[in-house]
N, C-alpha and C. Protein backbone atom coordinates (compact mmCIF):
# COMPACT_ATOMS: atom_id res chain seq x y z
N MET A 1 61.02 119.51 83.27
CA MET A 1 59.73 118.93 83.56
C MET A 1 59.28 119.29 84.98
N PHE A 2 60.20 119.20 85.95
CA PHE A 2 59.88 119.56 87.31
C PHE A 2 59.39 120.99 87.41
N LYS A 3 60.04 121.87 86.63
CA LYS A 3 59.66 123.28 86.67
C LYS A 3 58.22 123.49 86.22
N LYS A 4 57.78 122.75 85.16
CA LYS A 4 56.42 122.88 84.65
C LYS A 4 55.41 122.35 85.68
N LEU A 5 55.76 121.26 86.36
CA LEU A 5 54.87 120.70 87.39
C LEU A 5 54.70 121.67 88.54
N ILE A 6 55.77 122.30 88.96
CA ILE A 6 55.70 123.29 90.06
C ILE A 6 54.83 124.46 89.66
N LEU A 7 55.04 124.97 88.46
CA LEU A 7 54.23 126.11 87.99
C LEU A 7 52.77 125.75 87.90
N GLY A 8 52.47 124.52 87.38
CA GLY A 8 51.08 124.10 87.24
C GLY A 8 50.41 123.93 88.58
N ALA A 9 51.08 123.31 89.56
CA ALA A 9 50.50 123.14 90.89
C ALA A 9 50.29 124.47 91.56
N GLY A 10 51.22 125.38 91.42
CA GLY A 10 51.06 126.71 92.00
C GLY A 10 49.88 127.47 91.42
N ALA A 11 49.72 127.35 90.08
CA ALA A 11 48.58 128.03 89.43
C ALA A 11 47.25 127.44 89.91
N LEU A 12 47.20 126.12 90.10
CA LEU A 12 45.99 125.46 90.54
C LEU A 12 45.60 125.89 91.95
N VAL A 13 46.56 125.92 92.84
CA VAL A 13 46.29 126.36 94.23
C VAL A 13 45.84 127.81 94.23
N LEU A 14 46.53 128.66 93.44
CA LEU A 14 46.16 130.09 93.38
C LEU A 14 44.72 130.24 92.86
N GLY A 15 44.38 129.47 91.84
CA GLY A 15 43.03 129.57 91.27
C GLY A 15 41.96 129.15 92.27
N MET A 16 42.21 128.09 93.01
CA MET A 16 41.21 127.64 94.00
C MET A 16 41.04 128.65 95.10
N ASN A 17 42.12 129.26 95.56
CA ASN A 17 42.01 130.28 96.61
C ASN A 17 41.29 131.52 96.12
N VAL A 18 41.51 131.94 94.87
CA VAL A 18 40.81 133.07 94.30
C VAL A 18 39.32 132.77 94.22
N ALA A 19 38.99 131.52 93.81
CA ALA A 19 37.57 131.13 93.69
C ALA A 19 36.90 131.17 95.07
N MET A 20 37.61 130.80 96.12
CA MET A 20 37.02 130.82 97.47
C MET A 20 36.77 132.24 97.95
N VAL A 21 37.60 133.21 97.45
CA VAL A 21 37.41 134.60 97.85
C VAL A 21 36.14 135.17 97.22
N PHE A 22 35.99 134.93 95.91
CA PHE A 22 34.85 135.52 95.18
C PHE A 22 33.57 134.69 95.32
N CYS A 23 33.72 133.40 95.53
CA CYS A 23 32.52 132.53 95.70
C CYS A 23 32.70 131.72 96.97
N PRO A 24 32.53 132.35 98.13
CA PRO A 24 32.77 131.61 99.38
C PRO A 24 31.77 130.48 99.55
N ASP A 25 32.31 129.31 99.88
CA ASP A 25 31.48 128.13 100.12
C ASP A 25 32.05 127.40 101.34
N THR A 26 31.30 127.45 102.43
CA THR A 26 31.83 126.88 103.67
C THR A 26 31.98 125.37 103.59
N THR A 27 31.18 124.71 102.76
CA THR A 27 31.28 123.25 102.66
C THR A 27 32.55 122.80 101.94
N GLY A 28 33.05 123.62 100.98
CA GLY A 28 34.25 123.24 100.23
C GLY A 28 35.53 123.77 100.80
N LYS A 29 35.40 124.58 101.88
CA LYS A 29 36.60 125.24 102.43
C LYS A 29 37.63 124.23 102.93
N MET A 30 37.17 123.20 103.66
CA MET A 30 38.11 122.22 104.21
C MET A 30 38.78 121.44 103.09
N GLY A 31 38.04 121.10 102.07
CA GLY A 31 38.65 120.37 100.95
C GLY A 31 39.73 121.17 100.25
N VAL A 32 39.46 122.51 100.09
CA VAL A 32 40.48 123.35 99.45
C VAL A 32 41.74 123.44 100.32
N GLU A 33 41.57 123.54 101.66
CA GLU A 33 42.72 123.64 102.55
C GLU A 33 43.59 122.37 102.50
N ILE A 34 42.87 121.20 102.50
CA ILE A 34 43.61 119.92 102.43
C ILE A 34 44.38 119.81 101.10
N PHE A 35 43.65 120.20 100.03
CA PHE A 35 44.27 120.12 98.70
C PHE A 35 45.47 121.08 98.63
N SER A 36 45.34 122.27 99.23
CA SER A 36 46.45 123.24 99.23
C SER A 36 47.63 122.69 99.98
N ALA A 37 47.38 122.06 101.14
CA ALA A 37 48.50 121.48 101.89
C ALA A 37 49.18 120.39 101.12
N ALA A 38 48.41 119.53 100.45
CA ALA A 38 49.02 118.45 99.66
C ALA A 38 49.83 119.01 98.52
N CYS A 39 49.28 120.08 97.86
CA CYS A 39 50.06 120.69 96.78
C CYS A 39 51.33 121.33 97.31
N GLY A 40 51.28 121.91 98.50
CA GLY A 40 52.48 122.52 99.07
C GLY A 40 53.55 121.47 99.32
N LEU A 41 53.14 120.31 99.84
CA LEU A 41 54.11 119.24 100.07
C LEU A 41 54.70 118.74 98.76
N ALA A 42 53.85 118.60 97.76
CA ALA A 42 54.33 118.17 96.44
C ALA A 42 55.31 119.17 95.84
N ILE A 43 55.01 120.47 96.01
CA ILE A 43 55.89 121.51 95.47
C ILE A 43 57.26 121.45 96.19
N MET A 44 57.24 121.25 97.51
CA MET A 44 58.49 121.15 98.28
C MET A 44 59.33 119.98 97.79
N PHE A 45 58.65 118.83 97.54
CA PHE A 45 59.36 117.64 97.08
C PHE A 45 59.95 117.89 95.71
N LEU A 46 59.14 118.47 94.82
CA LEU A 46 59.65 118.74 93.47
C LEU A 46 60.76 119.75 93.46
N ALA A 47 60.66 120.77 94.34
CA ALA A 47 61.72 121.77 94.41
C ALA A 47 63.04 121.14 94.88
N SER A 48 62.93 120.19 95.84
CA SER A 48 64.17 119.55 96.32
C SER A 48 64.79 118.68 95.22
N ARG A 49 63.94 118.05 94.41
CA ARG A 49 64.46 117.25 93.30
C ARG A 49 65.06 118.14 92.24
N LEU A 50 64.47 119.33 92.04
CA LEU A 50 64.97 120.24 91.03
C LEU A 50 66.37 120.73 91.41
N GLY A 51 66.63 120.88 92.69
CA GLY A 51 67.95 121.38 93.14
C GLY A 51 69.00 120.31 93.22
N ALA A 52 68.60 119.01 93.03
CA ALA A 52 69.59 117.93 93.12
C ALA A 52 70.56 118.02 91.97
N PRO A 53 71.86 117.79 92.26
CA PRO A 53 72.85 117.88 91.17
C PRO A 53 72.68 116.79 90.15
N ALA A 54 72.85 117.18 88.93
CA ALA A 54 72.74 116.23 87.85
C ALA A 54 73.96 115.28 87.81
N ALA A 55 73.73 114.08 87.35
CA ALA A 55 74.85 113.12 87.26
C ALA A 55 75.85 113.62 86.23
N PRO A 56 77.16 113.53 86.54
CA PRO A 56 78.17 114.01 85.59
C PRO A 56 78.13 113.24 84.31
N ALA A 57 78.30 113.96 83.22
CA ALA A 57 78.29 113.31 81.91
C ALA A 57 79.57 112.52 81.75
N LYS A 58 79.42 111.32 81.17
CA LYS A 58 80.58 110.47 80.98
C LYS A 58 81.38 110.98 79.77
N SER A 59 82.68 111.04 79.97
CA SER A 59 83.54 111.46 78.90
C SER A 59 83.66 110.36 77.84
N SER A 60 83.63 110.79 76.59
CA SER A 60 83.75 109.79 75.51
C SER A 60 85.18 109.31 75.33
N GLU A 61 86.15 110.10 75.77
CA GLU A 61 87.54 109.73 75.65
C GLU A 61 88.00 108.91 76.85
N PRO A 62 88.57 107.73 76.65
CA PRO A 62 89.05 106.95 77.79
C PRO A 62 90.26 107.59 78.44
N ILE A 63 90.30 107.48 79.79
CA ILE A 63 91.44 108.03 80.53
C ILE A 63 92.58 107.01 80.48
N PRO A 64 93.77 107.45 80.05
CA PRO A 64 94.88 106.50 79.96
C PRO A 64 95.30 106.03 81.34
N PRO A 65 95.59 104.73 81.49
CA PRO A 65 95.99 104.22 82.82
C PRO A 65 97.35 104.78 83.19
N PRO A 66 97.60 104.93 84.52
CA PRO A 66 98.92 105.42 84.93
C PRO A 66 99.99 104.39 84.59
N PRO A 67 101.23 104.83 84.41
CA PRO A 67 102.28 103.88 84.06
C PRO A 67 102.49 102.88 85.20
N THR A 68 102.83 101.67 84.80
CA THR A 68 103.06 100.62 85.76
C THR A 68 104.35 100.91 86.55
N VAL A 69 104.24 100.89 87.88
CA VAL A 69 105.41 101.16 88.73
C VAL A 69 106.06 99.83 89.05
N ARG A 70 107.31 99.69 88.67
CA ARG A 70 108.06 98.46 88.93
C ARG A 70 108.46 98.38 90.39
N PRO A 71 108.59 97.16 90.94
CA PRO A 71 108.96 97.03 92.37
C PRO A 71 110.30 97.69 92.67
N GLU A 72 111.22 97.69 91.70
CA GLU A 72 112.54 98.27 91.96
C GLU A 72 112.49 99.78 92.05
N ALA A 73 111.39 100.40 91.63
CA ALA A 73 111.30 101.85 91.63
C ALA A 73 111.44 102.44 93.05
N GLU A 74 110.93 101.74 94.05
CA GLU A 74 111.03 102.23 95.42
C GLU A 74 112.49 102.25 95.88
N ILE A 75 113.27 101.27 95.44
CA ILE A 75 114.70 101.24 95.79
C ILE A 75 115.39 102.45 95.13
N VAL A 76 115.06 102.69 93.87
CA VAL A 76 115.69 103.84 93.17
C VAL A 76 115.27 105.13 93.82
N ALA A 77 113.98 105.23 94.24
CA ALA A 77 113.52 106.45 94.93
C ALA A 77 114.26 106.68 96.23
N PHE A 78 114.57 105.59 96.97
CA PHE A 78 115.32 105.72 98.21
C PHE A 78 116.77 106.11 97.92
N LEU A 79 117.39 105.56 96.88
CA LEU A 79 118.74 105.95 96.49
C LEU A 79 118.74 107.43 96.09
N ALA A 80 117.68 107.89 95.44
CA ALA A 80 117.59 109.30 95.06
C ALA A 80 117.58 110.19 96.30
N LEU A 81 116.94 109.75 97.37
CA LEU A 81 116.96 110.52 98.63
C LEU A 81 118.38 110.58 99.21
N LEU A 82 119.09 109.45 99.17
CA LEU A 82 120.48 109.45 99.66
C LEU A 82 121.34 110.40 98.84
N GLN A 83 121.07 110.49 97.53
CA GLN A 83 121.78 111.43 96.68
C GLN A 83 121.40 112.84 97.01
N GLU A 84 120.10 113.09 97.18
CA GLU A 84 119.61 114.45 97.43
C GLU A 84 120.15 115.04 98.72
N HIS A 85 120.16 114.22 99.77
CA HIS A 85 120.54 114.72 101.10
C HIS A 85 122.00 114.49 101.43
N GLY A 86 122.61 113.42 100.84
CA GLY A 86 123.99 113.12 101.21
C GLY A 86 124.96 113.06 100.06
N ARG A 87 124.47 113.31 98.84
CA ARG A 87 125.33 113.26 97.64
C ARG A 87 126.05 111.92 97.57
N LEU A 88 125.36 110.83 97.95
CA LEU A 88 125.98 109.52 98.01
C LEU A 88 126.43 109.04 96.62
N VAL A 89 125.57 109.19 95.63
CA VAL A 89 125.91 108.71 94.29
C VAL A 89 127.13 109.49 93.76
N ASP A 90 127.13 110.80 93.97
CA ASP A 90 128.28 111.63 93.54
C ASP A 90 129.57 111.13 94.21
N PHE A 91 129.48 110.83 95.49
CA PHE A 91 130.66 110.42 96.25
C PHE A 91 131.16 109.07 95.77
N ILE A 92 130.26 108.10 95.58
CA ILE A 92 130.66 106.76 95.14
C ILE A 92 131.19 106.76 93.72
N ARG A 93 130.58 107.59 92.87
CA ARG A 93 131.00 107.61 91.46
C ARG A 93 132.27 108.41 91.21
N GLU A 94 132.63 109.22 92.20
CA GLU A 94 133.82 110.06 92.08
C GLU A 94 135.09 109.19 92.20
N GLU A 95 136.06 109.48 91.37
CA GLU A 95 137.35 108.79 91.48
C GLU A 95 138.18 109.48 92.56
N ILE A 96 138.42 108.79 93.65
CA ILE A 96 139.10 109.40 94.82
C ILE A 96 140.52 108.88 95.05
N ALA A 97 141.01 108.10 94.10
CA ALA A 97 142.35 107.52 94.28
C ALA A 97 143.41 108.62 94.44
N GLY A 98 143.24 109.72 93.70
CA GLY A 98 144.23 110.79 93.77
C GLY A 98 143.93 111.85 94.79
N ALA A 99 142.80 111.72 95.53
CA ALA A 99 142.42 112.73 96.52
C ALA A 99 143.17 112.48 97.83
N SER A 100 143.41 113.56 98.54
CA SER A 100 144.07 113.44 99.83
C SER A 100 143.07 112.95 100.89
N ASP A 101 143.61 112.43 102.01
CA ASP A 101 142.75 111.96 103.08
C ASP A 101 141.88 113.13 103.61
N GLN A 102 142.44 114.31 103.61
CA GLN A 102 141.68 115.46 104.10
C GLN A 102 140.49 115.78 103.16
N GLN A 103 140.69 115.67 101.84
CA GLN A 103 139.61 115.90 100.90
C GLN A 103 138.53 114.84 101.02
N VAL A 104 138.98 113.57 101.16
CA VAL A 104 138.00 112.46 101.28
C VAL A 104 137.22 112.62 102.60
N GLY A 105 137.96 112.95 103.65
CA GLY A 105 137.30 113.11 104.96
C GLY A 105 136.29 114.25 104.96
N SER A 106 136.63 115.35 104.29
CA SER A 106 135.70 116.48 104.23
C SER A 106 134.45 116.10 103.46
N ALA A 107 134.61 115.37 102.34
CA ALA A 107 133.43 114.94 101.57
C ALA A 107 132.65 113.90 102.33
N ALA A 108 133.32 113.03 103.08
CA ALA A 108 132.62 111.99 103.83
C ALA A 108 131.72 112.56 104.92
N ARG A 109 132.10 113.73 105.49
CA ARG A 109 131.25 114.36 106.50
C ARG A 109 129.91 114.73 105.92
N VAL A 110 129.90 115.28 104.70
CA VAL A 110 128.64 115.67 104.05
C VAL A 110 127.80 114.43 103.75
N VAL A 111 128.45 113.40 103.22
CA VAL A 111 127.75 112.16 102.90
C VAL A 111 127.17 111.52 104.16
N HIS A 112 127.97 111.47 105.22
CA HIS A 112 127.53 110.88 106.47
C HIS A 112 126.33 111.59 107.05
N ALA A 113 126.37 112.92 107.12
CA ALA A 113 125.29 113.68 107.74
C ALA A 113 123.98 113.51 106.94
N GLY A 114 124.08 113.61 105.62
CA GLY A 114 122.87 113.51 104.81
C GLY A 114 122.28 112.12 104.78
N CYS A 115 123.12 111.10 104.63
CA CYS A 115 122.63 109.73 104.56
C CYS A 115 122.07 109.28 105.92
N ARG A 116 122.69 109.72 107.00
CA ARG A 116 122.17 109.37 108.33
C ARG A 116 120.78 109.96 108.51
N LYS A 117 120.57 111.18 108.06
CA LYS A 117 119.26 111.82 108.16
C LYS A 117 118.19 111.00 107.43
N VAL A 118 118.50 110.52 106.23
CA VAL A 118 117.56 109.75 105.43
C VAL A 118 117.27 108.41 106.10
N LEU A 119 118.32 107.72 106.58
CA LEU A 119 118.12 106.44 107.24
C LEU A 119 117.24 106.57 108.47
N GLU A 120 117.46 107.61 109.26
CA GLU A 120 116.66 107.79 110.48
C GLU A 120 115.20 108.10 110.16
N GLU A 121 114.98 108.73 109.02
CA GLU A 121 113.59 109.09 108.64
C GLU A 121 112.81 107.90 108.09
N TYR A 122 113.49 107.03 107.36
CA TYR A 122 112.76 105.97 106.63
C TYR A 122 112.97 104.56 107.22
N PHE A 123 113.89 104.39 108.11
CA PHE A 123 114.11 103.08 108.73
C PHE A 123 114.18 103.24 110.25
N ASP A 124 113.64 102.27 110.99
CA ASP A 124 113.89 102.16 112.40
C ASP A 124 114.95 101.07 112.57
N ILE A 125 116.20 101.48 112.69
CA ILE A 125 117.33 100.57 112.75
C ILE A 125 117.80 100.42 114.19
N GLN A 126 117.88 99.17 114.66
CA GLN A 126 118.32 98.92 116.03
C GLN A 126 119.39 97.86 116.03
N ALA A 127 120.15 97.82 117.12
CA ALA A 127 121.19 96.78 117.24
C ALA A 127 120.53 95.41 117.36
N LEU A 128 121.10 94.43 116.70
CA LEU A 128 120.57 93.08 116.71
C LEU A 128 120.79 92.39 118.08
N ARG A 129 121.94 92.65 118.65
CA ARG A 129 122.26 92.09 119.98
C ARG A 129 122.59 93.19 120.95
N GLU A 130 122.17 93.04 122.17
CA GLU A 130 122.54 93.98 123.22
C GLU A 130 123.96 93.67 123.68
N GLY A 131 124.58 94.67 124.25
CA GLY A 131 125.95 94.47 124.73
C GLY A 131 126.96 95.30 123.95
N ASN A 132 128.18 95.25 124.39
CA ASN A 132 129.25 96.04 123.77
C ASN A 132 130.20 95.09 123.03
N GLU A 133 130.91 95.65 122.07
CA GLU A 133 131.91 94.87 121.36
C GLU A 133 132.98 94.44 122.39
N GLY A 134 133.31 93.18 122.28
CA GLY A 134 134.29 92.59 123.24
C GLY A 134 133.62 91.77 124.31
N ASP A 135 132.31 91.90 124.52
CA ASP A 135 131.59 91.10 125.53
C ASP A 135 131.61 89.62 125.16
N ARG A 136 131.60 88.76 126.15
CA ARG A 136 131.56 87.32 125.95
C ARG A 136 130.12 86.91 125.57
N VAL A 137 130.00 86.02 124.59
CA VAL A 137 128.69 85.57 124.09
C VAL A 137 128.67 84.04 124.05
N VAL A 138 127.51 83.48 124.40
CA VAL A 138 127.28 82.04 124.27
C VAL A 138 126.03 81.83 123.43
N LEU A 139 126.17 81.08 122.35
CA LEU A 139 125.04 80.76 121.48
C LEU A 139 124.63 79.33 121.71
N GLU A 140 123.44 79.14 122.28
CA GLU A 140 122.95 77.81 122.57
C GLU A 140 122.33 77.19 121.32
N SER A 141 121.98 75.94 121.41
CA SER A 141 121.33 75.23 120.32
C SER A 141 119.99 75.93 120.00
N GLY A 142 119.68 76.09 118.72
CA GLY A 142 118.45 76.74 118.32
C GLY A 142 118.59 78.24 118.12
N TYR A 143 119.79 78.76 118.19
CA TYR A 143 119.99 80.19 117.97
C TYR A 143 119.64 80.58 116.53
N ASP A 144 119.40 81.84 116.28
CA ASP A 144 119.04 82.33 114.95
C ASP A 144 120.29 82.40 114.08
N ALA A 145 120.47 81.37 113.28
CA ALA A 145 121.71 81.29 112.48
C ALA A 145 121.80 82.38 111.43
N ALA A 146 120.65 82.82 110.90
CA ALA A 146 120.68 83.87 109.86
C ALA A 146 121.06 85.21 110.46
N ALA A 147 120.92 85.39 111.76
CA ALA A 147 121.23 86.65 112.39
C ALA A 147 122.63 86.70 112.99
N HIS A 148 123.40 85.65 112.82
CA HIS A 148 124.74 85.58 113.40
C HIS A 148 125.74 85.06 112.33
N ARG A 149 126.90 85.64 112.34
CA ARG A 149 127.99 85.15 111.49
C ARG A 149 129.11 84.68 112.42
N LEU A 150 129.45 83.41 112.34
CA LEU A 150 130.46 82.85 113.20
C LEU A 150 131.81 82.95 112.51
N LEU A 151 132.78 83.52 113.25
CA LEU A 151 134.12 83.73 112.70
C LEU A 151 135.09 82.81 113.44
N GLY A 152 136.19 82.46 112.74
CA GLY A 152 137.20 81.65 113.36
C GLY A 152 136.89 80.16 113.19
N SER A 153 137.43 79.35 114.08
CA SER A 153 137.23 77.88 114.07
C SER A 153 135.87 77.55 114.70
N VAL A 154 134.95 77.04 113.90
CA VAL A 154 133.58 76.77 114.38
C VAL A 154 133.45 75.29 114.69
N PRO A 155 133.10 74.97 115.95
CA PRO A 155 132.89 73.54 116.33
C PRO A 155 131.70 72.96 115.57
N ASP A 156 131.59 71.63 115.59
CA ASP A 156 130.49 70.97 114.89
C ASP A 156 129.13 71.27 115.51
N GLN A 157 129.03 71.38 116.80
CA GLN A 157 127.75 71.52 117.48
C GLN A 157 127.82 72.66 118.50
N PRO A 158 126.70 73.39 118.72
CA PRO A 158 126.65 74.38 119.79
C PRO A 158 126.64 73.68 121.14
N PRO A 159 126.88 74.40 122.22
CA PRO A 159 126.93 75.87 122.30
C PRO A 159 128.26 76.41 121.77
N TYR A 160 128.13 77.62 121.16
CA TYR A 160 129.30 78.32 120.66
C TYR A 160 129.65 79.45 121.60
N LYS A 161 130.91 79.51 121.98
CA LYS A 161 131.35 80.55 122.91
C LYS A 161 132.35 81.45 122.18
N GLY A 162 132.17 82.75 122.36
CA GLY A 162 133.09 83.66 121.67
C GLY A 162 132.97 85.07 122.15
N LYS A 163 133.48 85.99 121.37
CA LYS A 163 133.52 87.39 121.72
C LYS A 163 132.71 88.18 120.69
N LEU A 164 131.88 89.11 121.14
CA LEU A 164 131.06 89.93 120.26
C LEU A 164 131.96 90.92 119.53
N MET A 165 132.05 90.77 118.20
CA MET A 165 132.86 91.67 117.40
C MET A 165 132.01 92.82 116.83
N HIS A 166 130.72 92.55 116.56
CA HIS A 166 129.83 93.58 116.05
C HIS A 166 128.39 93.17 116.47
N PRO A 167 127.62 94.11 117.01
CA PRO A 167 126.28 93.74 117.48
C PRO A 167 125.28 93.46 116.39
N GLY A 168 125.59 93.82 115.14
CA GLY A 168 124.66 93.62 114.04
C GLY A 168 123.57 94.69 114.03
N TRP A 169 122.86 94.78 112.94
CA TRP A 169 121.76 95.75 112.79
C TRP A 169 120.51 95.04 112.28
N ILE A 170 119.36 95.53 112.68
CA ILE A 170 118.11 95.00 112.17
C ILE A 170 117.13 96.15 111.97
N ALA A 171 116.36 96.07 110.91
CA ALA A 171 115.35 97.11 110.65
C ALA A 171 114.04 96.66 111.28
N ARG A 172 113.53 97.45 112.23
CA ARG A 172 112.28 97.12 112.90
C ARG A 172 111.06 97.61 112.10
N SER A 173 111.27 98.65 111.31
CA SER A 173 110.22 99.15 110.44
C SER A 173 110.85 99.86 109.25
N VAL A 174 110.12 99.88 108.13
CA VAL A 174 110.63 100.47 106.90
C VAL A 174 109.50 101.31 106.31
N LYS A 175 109.84 102.52 105.87
CA LYS A 175 108.88 103.41 105.21
C LYS A 175 109.54 103.90 103.94
N LEU A 176 109.29 103.17 102.85
CA LEU A 176 109.91 103.55 101.58
C LEU A 176 109.25 104.77 101.00
N PRO A 177 109.99 105.61 100.27
CA PRO A 177 109.41 106.84 99.73
C PRO A 177 108.39 106.53 98.63
N ARG A 178 107.48 107.50 98.45
CA ARG A 178 106.45 107.37 97.40
C ARG A 178 107.12 107.58 96.04
N VAL A 179 106.76 106.72 95.10
CA VAL A 179 107.36 106.79 93.75
C VAL A 179 106.56 107.76 92.90
N THR A 180 107.25 108.75 92.34
CA THR A 180 106.59 109.74 91.45
C THR A 180 107.48 110.01 90.26
N GLY A 181 106.85 110.56 89.22
CA GLY A 181 107.60 111.01 88.06
C GLY A 181 108.08 109.90 87.11
N VAL A 182 107.47 108.72 87.21
CA VAL A 182 107.88 107.66 86.28
C VAL A 182 106.99 107.68 85.06
N THR A 183 107.53 107.22 83.92
CA THR A 183 106.77 107.10 82.68
C THR A 183 107.08 105.73 82.08
N GLU A 184 106.34 105.41 81.02
CA GLU A 184 106.61 104.13 80.34
C GLU A 184 108.01 104.13 79.74
N GLN A 185 108.48 105.29 79.28
CA GLN A 185 109.82 105.36 78.68
C GLN A 185 110.89 105.40 79.75
N ARG A 186 110.58 105.92 80.96
CA ARG A 186 111.55 105.98 82.08
C ARG A 186 110.88 105.40 83.28
N PRO A 187 110.94 104.05 83.45
CA PRO A 187 110.17 103.38 84.50
C PRO A 187 110.68 103.55 85.91
N TRP A 188 111.85 104.19 86.08
CA TRP A 188 112.39 104.40 87.43
C TRP A 188 112.53 105.88 87.67
N PRO A 189 112.45 106.30 88.95
CA PRO A 189 112.63 107.73 89.25
C PRO A 189 114.01 108.23 88.89
N VAL A 190 114.13 109.51 88.70
CA VAL A 190 115.41 110.15 88.40
C VAL A 190 116.23 110.17 89.70
N LEU A 191 117.45 109.70 89.64
CA LEU A 191 118.33 109.71 90.81
C LEU A 191 118.71 111.13 91.20
N ALA A 192 119.07 111.93 90.21
CA ALA A 192 119.41 113.34 90.42
C ALA A 192 119.16 114.05 89.12
N PRO A 193 118.35 115.10 89.11
CA PRO A 193 118.09 115.79 87.86
C PRO A 193 119.35 116.53 87.38
N ALA A 194 119.48 116.66 86.06
CA ALA A 194 120.59 117.45 85.51
C ALA A 194 120.37 118.91 85.92
N GLU A 195 121.41 119.54 86.39
CA GLU A 195 121.33 120.93 86.83
C GLU A 195 121.93 121.84 85.77
N ILE A 196 121.15 122.84 85.36
CA ILE A 196 121.57 123.75 84.32
C ILE A 196 121.47 125.17 84.82
N GLU A 197 122.56 125.89 84.84
CA GLU A 197 122.54 127.30 85.27
C GLU A 197 122.30 128.18 84.04
N LEU A 198 121.20 128.90 84.11
CA LEU A 198 120.81 129.75 82.97
C LEU A 198 121.64 131.01 82.98
N THR A 199 122.00 131.47 81.75
CA THR A 199 122.79 132.70 81.62
C THR A 199 122.04 133.71 80.81
């Protein structure tokens, strides 16, 4: 429709200008110029509308919703990273009762290096208490009981005096991996894909 309007307006302006050439009339000249300018503006507007993108057609087929990601899936995805970089699942699932200390130690180096890399990337882990193991510690009334484990004979009331056996750990920030590859039939990520060597 826009195309027909543009062609019609262009033909009208052309006809009026041809008429002014063959039948000059000084009284109508200004009217023709004003009308030509108005038609030019209208043509520009219609041309801009003609170039506007059409609204996308709606698909008749509904798009299936993505599978529901269970909260535990992020934990499985993190365990998959420990397996990928440190072979942790392989190491834990392996029966090592008959292995020598040298074999276990060699495998533990691989697990340690890979798992440490993953922990450093996804967690900001810091010591819960400052100081060194063996330092003297006094816990006054109101201390964070959930962040301390008291060992030995514990008096009824604080202050508690003792020796720091372990500084504890706390996560200051956590960045769990993005969950991908889950389906309704397999709601958790794959810990380690089956490896098949083609022949």
